Amino acid sequence: MDPADGGLTVLDGAILGVVTVLLAALLLHAPAVPPAPPAGLVCSALEETGGCLVVSGDVYGYALAGGSVDGTDPSRMGSISCSVRLFVGDMGSVDMSRATVEIATRDRTERPGRTTETPVRPGNWTIVRMGHTVPFRQADDDSLLEPGEQFDLLVYPSRPLSPGEPFRLSIIPPGGVPLTVERVVPPRITPVMDLG
């Protein structure tokens, strides 16, 4: 046939035949191959960040002042607070009731226990507030830190920290990557100190 008449040429027919055979082979082969687990750089990165915590905002220290459980000594830092949330893009959750908090100084390392009592006693830590990073959204009332949620933690070491003393605060989620914050107590103790 003449291509000007709207008919098919031999080349057009050959191309259509090859495409038809390839589509038929693809349809027959696709159900026989089991689906592979997701792979690649993005999937690997998401797996690695599962349960990965980050500090949201600054870390604060509080002087050991009157009314605290351990007495009054405004020349030393009595407690530390920080806000934590999940790493951006993390779709999992962290059970903070099973998380471990560790505070290390030059001469000792301690693991305060989690408490829900108030006031917080030395040698303990607690979640003081559960919030959401998205405006007009609320965190639910469980201790699972989920995407978009932010928990404010208060850590009360069993021994107050002295001016100029370096310390390392580690928050270790179960099966996750530890969040480590290293700071130095300011040389001048005030009631509230921004540790950066």
N, C-alpha and C. Protein backbone atom coordinates (compact mmCIF):
# COMPACT_ATOMS: atom_id res chain seq x y z
N MET A 1 0.83 -1.18 0.00
CA MET A 1 0.00 0.00 0.00
C MET A 1 0.86 1.23 0.00
N ASP A 2 0.28 2.27 -0.44
CA ASP A 2 0.97 3.55 -0.51
C ASP A 2 0.78 4.28 0.81
N PRO A 3 1.86 4.78 1.44
CA PRO A 3 1.71 5.48 2.71
C PRO A 3 0.86 6.73 2.58
N ALA A 4 0.80 7.30 1.41
CA ALA A 4 -0.02 8.49 1.23
C ALA A 4 -1.50 8.17 1.35
N ASP A 5 -1.89 6.91 1.10
CA ASP A 5 -3.28 6.49 1.21
C ASP A 5 -3.66 6.16 2.66
N GLY A 6 -2.74 6.28 3.59
CA GLY A 6 -3.05 6.00 4.99
C GLY A 6 -2.81 4.56 5.37
N GLY A 7 -2.19 3.80 4.56
CA GLY A 7 -1.93 2.39 4.88
C GLY A 7 -0.63 2.21 5.65
N LEU A 8 -0.35 0.97 6.03
CA LEU A 8 0.85 0.65 6.76
C LEU A 8 1.95 0.20 5.81
N THR A 9 3.15 0.62 6.10
CA THR A 9 4.30 0.13 5.34
C THR A 9 4.81 -1.11 6.04
N VAL A 10 5.73 -1.79 5.41
CA VAL A 10 6.33 -2.97 6.00
C VAL A 10 7.08 -2.59 7.29
N LEU A 11 7.73 -1.44 7.30
CA LEU A 11 8.46 -0.99 8.49
C LEU A 11 7.49 -0.72 9.64
N ASP A 12 6.36 -0.06 9.35
CA ASP A 12 5.35 0.18 10.39
C ASP A 12 4.85 -1.13 10.97
N GLY A 13 4.59 -2.09 10.12
CA GLY A 13 4.11 -3.39 10.58
C GLY A 13 5.14 -4.11 11.43
N ALA A 14 6.41 -4.01 11.03
CA ALA A 14 7.48 -4.67 11.80
C ALA A 14 7.60 -4.03 13.19
N ILE A 15 7.52 -2.70 13.26
CA ILE A 15 7.61 -2.02 14.56
C ILE A 15 6.44 -2.42 15.45
N LEU A 16 5.24 -2.44 14.91
CA LEU A 16 4.08 -2.84 15.70
C LEU A 16 4.19 -4.30 16.16
N GLY A 17 4.74 -5.15 15.30
CA GLY A 17 4.92 -6.56 15.68
C GLY A 17 5.92 -6.71 16.82
N VAL A 18 7.03 -5.98 16.78
CA VAL A 18 8.05 -6.06 17.83
C VAL A 18 7.48 -5.52 19.14
N VAL A 19 6.77 -4.41 19.10
CA VAL A 19 6.17 -3.83 20.31
C VAL A 19 5.16 -4.80 20.92
N THR A 20 4.37 -5.46 20.08
CA THR A 20 3.38 -6.42 20.56
C THR A 20 4.05 -7.61 21.24
N VAL A 21 5.11 -8.12 20.64
CA VAL A 21 5.85 -9.25 21.22
C VAL A 21 6.48 -8.84 22.55
N LEU A 22 7.06 -7.66 22.63
CA LEU A 22 7.68 -7.18 23.88
C LEU A 22 6.64 -7.00 24.99
N LEU A 23 5.50 -6.42 24.68
CA LEU A 23 4.44 -6.26 25.68
C LEU A 23 3.93 -7.61 26.16
N ALA A 24 3.77 -8.57 25.24
CA ALA A 24 3.31 -9.90 25.63
C ALA A 24 4.34 -10.57 26.55
N ALA A 25 5.62 -10.43 26.22
CA ALA A 25 6.68 -11.02 27.06
C ALA A 25 6.69 -10.37 28.44
N LEU A 26 6.50 -9.07 28.48
CA LEU A 26 6.47 -8.36 29.76
C LEU A 26 5.29 -8.80 30.61
N LEU A 27 4.13 -8.93 30.02
CA LEU A 27 2.95 -9.36 30.76
C LEU A 27 3.07 -10.80 31.25
N LEU A 28 3.70 -11.67 30.49
CA LEU A 28 3.88 -13.05 30.92
C LEU A 28 4.97 -13.18 31.98
N HIS A 29 5.99 -12.34 31.89
CA HIS A 29 7.14 -12.43 32.81
C HIS A 29 6.87 -11.73 34.14
N ALA A 30 6.12 -10.65 34.16
CA ALA A 30 5.93 -9.84 35.37
C ALA A 30 5.32 -10.62 36.53
N PRO A 31 4.25 -11.41 36.34
CA PRO A 31 3.70 -12.13 37.49
C PRO A 31 4.63 -13.21 38.03
N ALA A 32 5.57 -13.71 37.23
CA ALA A 32 6.45 -14.79 37.66
C ALA A 32 7.57 -14.28 38.58
N VAL A 33 7.88 -13.00 38.54
CA VAL A 33 8.96 -12.45 39.36
C VAL A 33 8.36 -11.94 40.67
N PRO A 34 8.84 -12.45 41.83
CA PRO A 34 8.32 -11.94 43.10
C PRO A 34 8.77 -10.50 43.31
N PRO A 35 7.92 -9.70 43.95
CA PRO A 35 8.31 -8.31 44.16
C PRO A 35 9.51 -8.23 45.12
N ALA A 36 10.47 -7.42 44.75
CA ALA A 36 11.66 -7.25 45.57
C ALA A 36 11.39 -6.22 46.66
N PRO A 37 12.08 -6.35 47.79
CA PRO A 37 11.91 -5.32 48.82
C PRO A 37 12.44 -4.00 48.30
N PRO A 38 11.89 -2.89 48.78
CA PRO A 38 12.36 -1.60 48.30
C PRO A 38 13.86 -1.46 48.56
N ALA A 39 14.54 -0.91 47.61
CA ALA A 39 15.99 -0.74 47.74
C ALA A 39 16.39 0.59 47.14
N GLY A 40 17.61 0.94 47.35
CA GLY A 40 18.13 2.19 46.81
C GLY A 40 18.58 3.11 47.90
N LEU A 41 19.12 4.23 47.49
CA LEU A 41 19.70 5.19 48.43
C LEU A 41 18.65 5.78 49.36
N VAL A 42 17.51 6.17 48.83
CA VAL A 42 16.48 6.80 49.67
C VAL A 42 15.93 5.81 50.69
N CYS A 43 15.63 4.59 50.27
CA CYS A 43 15.12 3.58 51.21
C CYS A 43 16.16 3.26 52.28
N SER A 44 17.42 3.16 51.89
CA SER A 44 18.48 2.89 52.87
C SER A 44 18.58 4.02 53.87
N ALA A 45 18.49 5.24 53.40
CA ALA A 45 18.60 6.39 54.30
C ALA A 45 17.42 6.42 55.27
N LEU A 46 16.22 6.10 54.79
CA LEU A 46 15.06 6.09 55.68
C LEU A 46 15.17 4.99 56.72
N GLU A 47 15.73 3.83 56.33
CA GLU A 47 15.92 2.76 57.31
C GLU A 47 16.92 3.19 58.37
N GLU A 48 17.97 3.88 57.97
CA GLU A 48 18.99 4.30 58.92
C GLU A 48 18.47 5.36 59.89
N THR A 49 17.54 6.21 59.44
CA THR A 49 17.06 7.27 60.31
C THR A 49 15.91 6.81 61.20
N GLY A 50 15.45 5.59 61.05
CA GLY A 50 14.36 5.10 61.90
C GLY A 50 14.75 5.19 63.36
N GLY A 51 13.95 5.87 64.15
CA GLY A 51 14.25 6.01 65.57
C GLY A 51 15.38 6.98 65.84
N CYS A 52 15.61 7.90 64.93
CA CYS A 52 16.70 8.86 65.07
C CYS A 52 16.17 10.16 65.66
N LEU A 53 16.69 10.54 66.81
CA LEU A 53 16.25 11.75 67.50
C LEU A 53 17.17 12.92 67.19
N VAL A 54 16.61 14.12 67.23
CA VAL A 54 17.39 15.35 67.12
C VAL A 54 16.90 16.33 68.18
N VAL A 55 17.82 17.20 68.59
CA VAL A 55 17.45 18.25 69.55
C VAL A 55 16.72 19.34 68.78
N SER A 56 15.61 19.78 69.32
CA SER A 56 14.83 20.85 68.71
C SER A 56 14.98 22.09 69.58
N GLY A 57 15.75 23.05 69.13
CA GLY A 57 15.99 24.25 69.93
C GLY A 57 17.24 24.12 70.78
N ASP A 58 17.30 24.89 71.84
CA ASP A 58 18.48 24.93 72.69
C ASP A 58 18.34 24.00 73.88
N VAL A 59 19.48 23.75 74.52
CA VAL A 59 19.53 22.98 75.76
C VAL A 59 19.65 24.00 76.89
N TYR A 60 18.91 23.79 77.98
CA TYR A 60 18.92 24.73 79.10
C TYR A 60 19.37 24.03 80.38
N GLY A 61 20.04 24.80 81.22
CA GLY A 61 20.43 24.32 82.53
C GLY A 61 19.75 25.18 83.59
N TYR A 62 19.47 24.59 84.75
CA TYR A 62 18.80 25.29 85.83
C TYR A 62 19.62 25.18 87.10
N ALA A 63 19.77 26.30 87.79
CA ALA A 63 20.52 26.32 89.04
C ALA A 63 19.80 25.51 90.10
N LEU A 64 20.57 24.94 90.99
CA LEU A 64 20.00 24.21 92.12
C LEU A 64 19.59 25.24 93.15
N ALA A 65 18.32 25.66 93.08
CA ALA A 65 17.85 26.80 93.87
C ALA A 65 16.89 26.35 94.97
N GLY A 66 16.46 27.31 95.77
CA GLY A 66 15.53 27.05 96.87
C GLY A 66 14.27 26.38 96.38
N GLY A 67 13.76 25.46 97.15
CA GLY A 67 12.54 24.75 96.78
C GLY A 67 12.82 23.48 96.02
N SER A 68 14.06 23.24 95.62
CA SER A 68 14.35 22.00 94.92
C SER A 68 14.46 20.88 95.93
N VAL A 69 14.37 19.68 95.44
CA VAL A 69 14.34 18.51 96.31
C VAL A 69 15.69 18.31 97.02
N ASP A 70 16.77 18.66 96.33
CA ASP A 70 18.10 18.37 96.84
C ASP A 70 18.69 19.52 97.65
N GLY A 71 17.89 20.45 98.08
CA GLY A 71 18.41 21.55 98.88
C GLY A 71 18.70 22.77 98.03
N THR A 72 19.41 23.72 98.62
CA THR A 72 19.69 24.97 97.95
C THR A 72 21.19 25.14 97.78
N ASP A 73 21.61 25.34 96.53
CA ASP A 73 23.00 25.65 96.23
C ASP A 73 23.01 26.34 94.87
N PRO A 74 22.75 27.67 94.87
CA PRO A 74 22.66 28.38 93.59
C PRO A 74 23.99 28.48 92.86
N SER A 75 25.07 27.92 93.42
CA SER A 75 26.36 27.98 92.74
C SER A 75 26.60 26.76 91.86
N ARG A 76 25.63 25.83 91.78
CA ARG A 76 25.77 24.65 90.94
C ARG A 76 24.52 24.45 90.08
N MET A 77 24.69 23.74 88.96
CA MET A 77 23.58 23.47 88.05
C MET A 77 22.92 22.16 88.48
N GLY A 78 21.61 22.20 88.73
CA GLY A 78 20.91 21.04 89.25
C GLY A 78 20.20 20.20 88.22
N SER A 79 19.74 20.80 87.10
CA SER A 79 18.99 20.01 86.12
C SER A 79 19.21 20.56 84.72
N ILE A 80 18.85 19.75 83.73
CA ILE A 80 19.06 20.06 82.32
C ILE A 80 17.76 19.77 81.59
N SER A 81 17.39 20.64 80.66
CA SER A 81 16.19 20.36 79.84
C SER A 81 16.53 20.54 78.37
N CYS A 82 15.86 19.76 77.55
CA CYS A 82 15.99 19.89 76.09
C CYS A 82 14.72 19.35 75.45
N SER A 83 14.47 19.79 74.23
CA SER A 83 13.34 19.30 73.45
C SER A 83 13.87 18.37 72.37
N VAL A 84 13.21 17.24 72.18
CA VAL A 84 13.62 16.28 71.16
C VAL A 84 12.45 16.00 70.22
N ARG A 85 12.79 15.68 69.00
CA ARG A 85 11.82 15.28 68.00
C ARG A 85 12.49 14.26 67.09
N LEU A 86 11.73 13.67 66.19
CA LEU A 86 12.29 12.71 65.25
C LEU A 86 13.00 13.44 64.12
N PHE A 87 13.97 12.79 63.53
CA PHE A 87 14.68 13.31 62.37
C PHE A 87 13.68 13.56 61.25
N VAL A 88 13.87 14.63 60.48
CA VAL A 88 12.94 14.97 59.40
C VAL A 88 12.84 13.81 58.41
N GLY A 89 11.63 13.42 58.10
CA GLY A 89 11.40 12.33 57.15
C GLY A 89 11.26 10.98 57.81
N ASP A 90 11.55 10.89 59.10
CA ASP A 90 11.43 9.62 59.80
C ASP A 90 9.95 9.29 59.93
N MET A 91 9.56 8.11 59.51
CA MET A 91 8.15 7.73 59.54
C MET A 91 7.84 6.76 60.68
N GLY A 92 8.84 6.46 61.51
CA GLY A 92 8.61 5.54 62.62
C GLY A 92 8.21 6.29 63.87
N SER A 93 8.44 5.67 65.00
CA SER A 93 8.19 6.32 66.28
C SER A 93 9.21 5.78 67.28
N VAL A 94 9.38 6.51 68.37
CA VAL A 94 10.30 6.09 69.43
C VAL A 94 9.50 5.98 70.72
N ASP A 95 9.57 4.83 71.36
CA ASP A 95 8.90 4.63 72.63
C ASP A 95 9.78 5.23 73.73
N MET A 96 9.47 6.46 74.14
CA MET A 96 10.30 7.16 75.12
C MET A 96 10.21 6.52 76.50
N SER A 97 9.18 5.70 76.75
CA SER A 97 9.11 5.02 78.04
C SER A 97 10.18 3.94 78.14
N ARG A 98 10.72 3.51 77.01
CA ARG A 98 11.78 2.50 76.99
C ARG A 98 13.14 3.11 76.67
N ALA A 99 13.19 4.41 76.46
CA ALA A 99 14.47 5.07 76.15
C ALA A 99 15.34 5.14 77.40
N THR A 100 16.63 5.21 77.19
CA THR A 100 17.59 5.33 78.28
C THR A 100 18.24 6.70 78.20
N VAL A 101 18.36 7.36 79.33
CA VAL A 101 19.07 8.64 79.40
C VAL A 101 20.34 8.41 80.19
N GLU A 102 21.42 8.97 79.67
CA GLU A 102 22.72 8.81 80.34
C GLU A 102 23.39 10.17 80.42
N ILE A 103 23.94 10.48 81.58
CA ILE A 103 24.68 11.73 81.73
C ILE A 103 26.09 11.37 82.23
N ALA A 104 27.08 11.87 81.49
CA ALA A 104 28.47 11.53 81.81
C ALA A 104 29.26 12.80 82.06
N THR A 105 30.07 12.77 83.12
CA THR A 105 31.01 13.84 83.42
C THR A 105 32.41 13.22 83.40
N ARG A 106 33.42 14.01 83.75
CA ARG A 106 34.78 13.48 83.75
C ARG A 106 34.94 12.28 84.67
N ASP A 107 34.30 12.33 85.83
CA ASP A 107 34.56 11.32 86.84
C ASP A 107 33.47 10.25 86.99
N ARG A 108 32.33 10.41 86.33
CA ARG A 108 31.28 9.41 86.51
C ARG A 108 30.28 9.42 85.36
N THR A 109 29.58 8.31 85.24
CA THR A 109 28.49 8.16 84.28
C THR A 109 27.30 7.60 85.04
N GLU A 110 26.14 8.19 84.84
CA GLU A 110 24.95 7.68 85.50
C GLU A 110 23.80 7.58 84.52
N ARG A 111 22.90 6.66 84.81
CA ARG A 111 21.70 6.47 84.01
C ARG A 111 20.49 6.74 84.91
N PRO A 112 20.01 7.98 84.89
CA PRO A 112 18.83 8.29 85.72
C PRO A 112 17.62 7.47 85.25
N GLY A 113 16.76 7.17 86.18
CA GLY A 113 15.54 6.43 85.85
C GLY A 113 14.44 7.37 85.39
N ARG A 114 13.53 6.85 84.58
CA ARG A 114 12.41 7.66 84.13
C ARG A 114 11.33 7.67 85.22
N THR A 115 10.75 8.83 85.44
CA THR A 115 9.69 8.96 86.44
C THR A 115 8.57 9.81 85.87
N THR A 116 7.39 9.64 86.45
CA THR A 116 6.26 10.51 86.10
C THR A 116 5.84 11.33 87.31
N GLU A 117 6.58 11.19 88.42
CA GLU A 117 6.26 11.91 89.64
C GLU A 117 6.69 13.38 89.55
N THR A 118 5.99 14.22 90.29
CA THR A 118 6.42 15.60 90.45
C THR A 118 6.46 15.90 91.94
N PRO A 119 7.45 16.58 92.41
CA PRO A 119 8.61 17.07 91.67
C PRO A 119 9.56 15.92 91.33
N VAL A 120 10.37 16.18 90.31
CA VAL A 120 11.35 15.19 89.89
C VAL A 120 12.47 15.14 90.92
N ARG A 121 12.81 13.97 91.34
CA ARG A 121 13.86 13.79 92.35
C ARG A 121 15.21 13.57 91.66
N PRO A 122 16.30 13.87 92.37
CA PRO A 122 17.63 13.62 91.79
C PRO A 122 17.77 12.17 91.36
N GLY A 123 18.48 11.99 90.23
CA GLY A 123 18.68 10.65 89.69
C GLY A 123 17.54 10.18 88.83
N ASN A 124 16.70 11.13 88.34
CA ASN A 124 15.57 10.78 87.49
C ASN A 124 15.45 11.74 86.31
N TRP A 125 14.66 11.33 85.33
CA TRP A 125 14.31 12.22 84.21
C TRP A 125 12.83 12.00 83.90
N THR A 126 12.24 13.00 83.23
CA THR A 126 10.82 12.91 82.91
C THR A 126 10.51 13.68 81.63
N ILE A 127 9.36 13.39 81.07
CA ILE A 127 8.82 14.16 79.94
C ILE A 127 7.92 15.21 80.56
N VAL A 128 8.29 16.49 80.44
CA VAL A 128 7.49 17.54 81.08
C VAL A 128 6.40 18.09 80.17
N ARG A 129 6.58 17.94 78.85
CA ARG A 129 5.56 18.45 77.92
C ARG A 129 5.63 17.67 76.63
N MET A 130 4.45 17.39 76.07
CA MET A 130 4.34 16.74 74.77
C MET A 130 3.63 17.72 73.85
N GLY A 131 4.31 18.15 72.81
CA GLY A 131 3.74 19.11 71.88
C GLY A 131 3.82 18.62 70.45
N HIS A 132 3.39 19.47 69.55
CA HIS A 132 3.42 19.14 68.12
C HIS A 132 4.11 20.29 67.39
N THR A 133 4.88 19.96 66.37
CA THR A 133 5.60 20.99 65.62
C THR A 133 4.71 21.67 64.58
N VAL A 134 3.58 21.06 64.25
CA VAL A 134 2.65 21.64 63.28
C VAL A 134 1.63 22.48 64.05
N PRO A 135 1.45 23.75 63.66
CA PRO A 135 0.49 24.61 64.37
C PRO A 135 -0.92 24.00 64.37
N PHE A 136 -1.62 24.18 65.47
CA PHE A 136 -3.00 23.74 65.67
C PHE A 136 -3.15 22.22 65.74
N ARG A 137 -2.05 21.49 65.86
CA ARG A 137 -2.11 20.04 66.04
C ARG A 137 -1.66 19.72 67.45
N GLN A 138 -2.17 18.65 68.01
CA GLN A 138 -1.84 18.25 69.37
C GLN A 138 -1.13 16.90 69.35
N ALA A 139 -0.20 16.72 70.27
CA ALA A 139 0.42 15.41 70.46
C ALA A 139 -0.57 14.53 71.22
N ASP A 140 -0.57 13.24 70.92
CA ASP A 140 -1.45 12.36 71.69
C ASP A 140 -0.82 12.12 73.07
N ASP A 141 -1.53 11.46 73.94
CA ASP A 141 -1.11 11.34 75.34
C ASP A 141 -0.23 10.13 75.64
N ASP A 142 0.25 9.42 74.63
CA ASP A 142 1.12 8.29 74.92
C ASP A 142 2.59 8.73 74.91
N SER A 143 3.46 7.84 75.31
CA SER A 143 4.88 8.19 75.37
C SER A 143 5.62 7.83 74.09
N LEU A 144 4.87 7.58 73.00
CA LEU A 144 5.49 7.35 71.70
C LEU A 144 5.77 8.70 71.04
N LEU A 145 7.01 8.96 70.73
CA LEU A 145 7.38 10.17 70.00
C LEU A 145 7.20 9.86 68.53
N GLU A 146 6.19 10.49 67.92
CA GLU A 146 5.81 10.19 66.55
C GLU A 146 6.14 11.37 65.65
N PRO A 147 6.12 11.16 64.30
CA PRO A 147 6.43 12.27 63.40
C PRO A 147 5.59 13.50 63.70
N GLY A 148 6.25 14.63 63.79
CA GLY A 148 5.58 15.90 64.08
C GLY A 148 5.50 16.23 65.56
N GLU A 149 5.73 15.26 66.43
CA GLU A 149 5.66 15.52 67.86
C GLU A 149 7.00 15.97 68.40
N GLN A 150 6.94 16.67 69.51
CA GLN A 150 8.14 17.17 70.18
C GLN A 150 7.95 17.00 71.68
N PHE A 151 8.92 16.37 72.35
CA PHE A 151 8.85 16.15 73.79
C PHE A 151 9.90 17.00 74.47
N ASP A 152 9.49 17.69 75.55
CA ASP A 152 10.43 18.44 76.39
C ASP A 152 10.83 17.53 77.54
N LEU A 153 12.13 17.29 77.68
CA LEU A 153 12.65 16.40 78.71
C LEU A 153 13.34 17.21 79.80
N LEU A 154 13.23 16.75 81.03
CA LEU A 154 13.94 17.34 82.16
C LEU A 154 14.76 16.23 82.81
N VAL A 155 16.08 16.45 82.86
CA VAL A 155 17.00 15.47 83.43
C VAL A 155 17.57 16.06 84.71
N TYR A 156 17.45 15.30 85.80
CA TYR A 156 17.89 15.76 87.11
C TYR A 156 18.96 14.79 87.60
N PRO A 157 20.25 15.09 87.36
CA PRO A 157 21.31 14.17 87.79
C PRO A 157 21.32 14.02 89.31
N SER A 158 21.87 12.92 89.78
CA SER A 158 21.92 12.69 91.23
C SER A 158 22.93 13.61 91.91
N ARG A 159 23.87 14.15 91.13
CA ARG A 159 24.85 15.08 91.68
C ARG A 159 24.81 16.37 90.86
N PRO A 160 24.68 17.54 91.52
CA PRO A 160 24.68 18.81 90.77
C PRO A 160 26.02 19.01 90.06
N LEU A 161 25.98 19.76 88.97
CA LEU A 161 27.18 20.01 88.17
C LEU A 161 27.79 21.36 88.55
N SER A 162 29.10 21.40 88.63
CA SER A 162 29.83 22.61 89.04
C SER A 162 30.11 23.52 87.85
N PRO A 163 30.35 24.81 88.10
CA PRO A 163 30.68 25.73 87.01
C PRO A 163 31.93 25.25 86.25
N GLY A 164 31.88 25.33 84.94
CA GLY A 164 32.98 24.93 84.08
C GLY A 164 33.10 23.43 83.85
N GLU A 165 32.19 22.65 84.42
CA GLU A 165 32.27 21.19 84.29
C GLU A 165 31.65 20.74 82.96
N PRO A 166 32.42 20.03 82.13
CA PRO A 166 31.83 19.49 80.89
C PRO A 166 30.98 18.26 81.19
N PHE A 167 29.93 18.07 80.41
CA PHE A 167 29.09 16.89 80.56
C PHE A 167 28.56 16.47 79.21
N ARG A 168 28.16 15.20 79.13
CA ARG A 168 27.57 14.64 77.91
C ARG A 168 26.24 14.02 78.27
N LEU A 169 25.19 14.46 77.61
CA LEU A 169 23.85 13.93 77.81
C LEU A 169 23.52 13.07 76.60
N SER A 170 23.19 11.80 76.84
CA SER A 170 22.84 10.88 75.76
C SER A 170 21.42 10.38 75.97
N ILE A 171 20.63 10.42 74.92
CA ILE A 171 19.28 9.87 74.94
C ILE A 171 19.30 8.71 73.95
N ILE A 172 19.09 7.51 74.47
CA ILE A 172 19.28 6.30 73.67
C ILE A 172 17.92 5.64 73.46
N PRO A 173 17.34 5.78 72.25
CA PRO A 173 16.05 5.12 71.99
C PRO A 173 16.26 3.62 71.82
N PRO A 174 15.26 2.80 72.14
CA PRO A 174 15.42 1.35 71.99
C PRO A 174 15.61 0.99 70.52
N GLY A 175 16.74 0.37 70.23
CA GLY A 175 17.03 -0.04 68.85
C GLY A 175 17.37 1.09 67.92
N GLY A 176 17.54 2.31 68.43
CA GLY A 176 17.82 3.45 67.56
C GLY A 176 19.21 4.00 67.76
N VAL A 177 19.46 5.11 67.11
CA VAL A 177 20.75 5.78 67.18
C VAL A 177 20.74 6.74 68.37
N PRO A 178 21.75 6.66 69.25
CA PRO A 178 21.78 7.57 70.41
C PRO A 178 21.92 9.03 69.99
N LEU A 179 21.21 9.90 70.68
CA LEU A 179 21.36 11.35 70.51
C LEU A 179 22.30 11.80 71.62
N THR A 180 23.41 12.40 71.24
CA THR A 180 24.40 12.84 72.22
C THR A 180 24.56 14.34 72.14
N VAL A 181 24.49 14.98 73.30
CA VAL A 181 24.65 16.43 73.42
C VAL A 181 25.80 16.68 74.40
N GLU A 182 26.80 17.40 73.96
CA GLU A 182 27.93 17.72 74.83
C GLU A 182 27.93 19.22 75.10
N ARG A 183 27.98 19.57 76.37
CA ARG A 183 27.96 20.97 76.79
C ARG A 183 28.90 21.16 77.96
N VAL A 184 29.12 22.43 78.33
CA VAL A 184 29.92 22.80 79.49
C VAL A 184 29.05 23.71 80.35
N VAL A 185 29.06 23.46 81.65
CA VAL A 185 28.31 24.32 82.58
C VAL A 185 28.96 25.70 82.54
N PRO A 186 28.17 26.77 82.40
CA PRO A 186 28.75 28.12 82.36
C PRO A 186 29.54 28.44 83.63
N PRO A 187 30.52 29.33 83.52
CA PRO A 187 31.30 29.69 84.70
C PRO A 187 30.47 30.45 85.74
N ARG A 188 29.46 31.15 85.28
CA ARG A 188 28.58 31.89 86.19
C ARG A 188 27.20 31.24 86.16
N ILE A 189 26.74 30.77 87.30
CA ILE A 189 25.45 30.08 87.40
C ILE A 189 24.35 31.11 87.63
N THR A 190 23.33 31.04 86.79
CA THR A 190 22.13 31.88 86.93
C THR A 190 20.94 30.94 87.07
N PRO A 191 19.77 31.44 87.44
CA PRO A 191 18.62 30.53 87.59
C PRO A 191 18.31 29.72 86.34
N VAL A 192 18.38 30.34 85.15
CA VAL A 192 18.17 29.63 83.88
C VAL A 192 19.33 29.97 82.97
N MET A 193 19.96 28.94 82.39
CA MET A 193 21.13 29.13 81.53
C MET A 193 20.89 28.49 80.17
N ASP A 194 21.08 29.27 79.11
CA ASP A 194 20.98 28.74 77.74
C ASP A 194 22.34 28.13 77.43
N LEU A 195 22.37 26.81 77.28
CA LEU A 195 23.62 26.09 77.02
C LEU A 195 23.88 25.91 75.53
N GLY A 196 23.00 26.47 74.70
CA GLY A 196 23.20 26.39 73.24
C GLY A 196 22.55 25.20 72.62
